[in-house]
Every structure is written in structure tokens, then in C-alpha cells.
Amino acid sequence: MAITINTNLQSMVVQKNLNSATNQLNSAIERMTTGYKINHASDNAAGYSIARNWEAQLGSLDVAADNAATGADMLATLEDNYALISSHIQRVRDLTEQASNGTYGEQSKKAIQAEIQARLDEVDRIAANCEFNGINLMKGENVDGKPGKDGLDIQVGIDGNKDKSRIHLDKDLFANGSVEGLFVDKTDLAKRCAGLDTTDGNSAQEQLAKIDTVINAISNRITTLGAAQNRIESAIESIGVQSENITSSLSTLRDADVATESSNYIKAQILQQASATLLSTANQSPSIALNLL
């Protein structure tokens, strides 16, 4: 090899290796401090794109889980209010049963009728105030168009496919929960229930069958609510499984192996130190030419 002054090939080779060792050292430091082996698109272009897509999916799944939980809370609100209404209707039945006994005088029956009316008024109050996020849940399909006209959709998926990503809550879940909605024959909605007359035994006996029908109707509504709640709870569990699987895959793709990066760090550090020492020696090579002068 020729001895030259202007071009120091040995120094250039050592500088190249020094830069490479320094880059490896910096990369190992970055990966250990961030915990990720993919910090830039240049680290793994395909992996970087996949990781970003999975991160977006995880964010959407979190929103879907919140949607499902909110839907479950809404149905729980509706169920709790129906439970209150059911307790009042059951008390109305007890009072009607009591009034059907011929041992009560006129004054006693009027007192019974007064409590019945108070209970029915409370049912109307509960139905009118059964709201969730500004939506009245017991107004029925003919009021304001929401939610009764078409029901409600709960978005529990991450795409726009209605069948895959939404749970439809039928309008029957939001039927009229007032006294009128519960007692009036649906074929004659213009006719309002005139209350449960218990001033004579015969009338009270006739009302028992109507009350039993209402109690059964409320039970059916609560059963339907329970089925809808089960679907939403299943969706929440499914979202959790999907989120867990994506998180695991994302970890495998993106997370740094600290043991491996620690080893790479030590290796790069040794190479950097060795290259720095050898660079000092290589830079002295042109000085050998002075010995020939």
C-alpha cells in the first residue's frame, strides 16, 4: 500500500466504522429509553404502518367500549324505572284486591281510591322524567320521533357495517310507560283511562284482570330489556378480547426487547471506543512520510 499524505484511507475506514458504531449505540439508547424498537418509519417501514393502524383500531375500540357501556347504563336506567313503576302497580293491585272485599264502607273505599290515584300519578311522573342524556325513554313511538320511531343503534364496533358493528334497540323497548300507555287499549289510543274506580266491589273486581295484564306487560318489557343488556354485555366482552389481541400483536411488533438492546448497547459502546482509539492511530499514519524526507 502506498504511503500518501492527502488521502488517509485507514482513517476513512475507521471513521466509517466509528460512525456505524455510534449510530448503533444511539439506536440502542433510543430503544431502551422509549421501550420501542420501531420509533421511526425508517426503522421498519411496513411495521411502522401496521403499528399506526393497530393504534388507531385500539383507540376506536376504546370508544366502542364506552359506547356499549353507555348503552348498558341507559338500559339499566330504563329497567330501574320500570321496577319502580312495577312496585306502584303492584300496590295498586293490592289496594284493588282490598277494595273488592265487601267489608269496607264508603269512606274506606274513598281512602283506597285516593291512594290508588296517587300511585297512578306517580307512575305518570316517573314515565315523564325517565330520561338519559336528554332522551325520554318512556314517551313511546309517537312522541318527538325519538327514540320511539325507529329505536336506537348502539355503535359497538369499529366500522360502519350496521350488522357487524351496531346493536339495534327496538322501538318497543321505549314504549309509553305512563298510565295511558300501560292501561289503554292500543287500538283506541284516543281513549284515556279514567282511573281505577274502587268505590264499589264489583268495579274493583273487574279491574283486577286489567291490572294483571299491565303487570305482565311490564314484566315482558323488563325481560326484553334484560335480553338487550345481555347483548351489550357480550359486545363489551368481545371488544375486550379484540383489544387484548391487538395489544398483544402490537407489543410483539413494536416493543423493544430490553435484554437484546442492552447487549447491542454494550457491543456498540465497545466498537465505538475501539474505533475512537484506532482513529487516533490511523490519523498518525501520514506522519510516517516525514521519516522518508
Foldseek 3Di string as FASTA:
>chain_A
DDQDDPDQVLLVVLVVLLVVLVVLLVLLVVQLVVQWNPDDCVSPVVLVVVLVVLVVQLVLLVVLLVLLVLVLVLLVLLLVLLVLLLVLLVVLLVLLVVLLDPPDDQVVQVVSQVSNVVSLVVQQVSQVPSDDPRARQAQACVPPNPPQVAADWRQNHRDDDRVPGIDGDHSVLRYHRHQLRQQPDPVCSVDGDPGQRSSYNVSSVVCNVSSVSSSVVSVVSSVSSVVSSVVSVVSSVVSVVVSVVSVVVSCVSIGDDSVVSVVSNVVSVVSNVVSVVVSVVSSCSSVVVVVVD
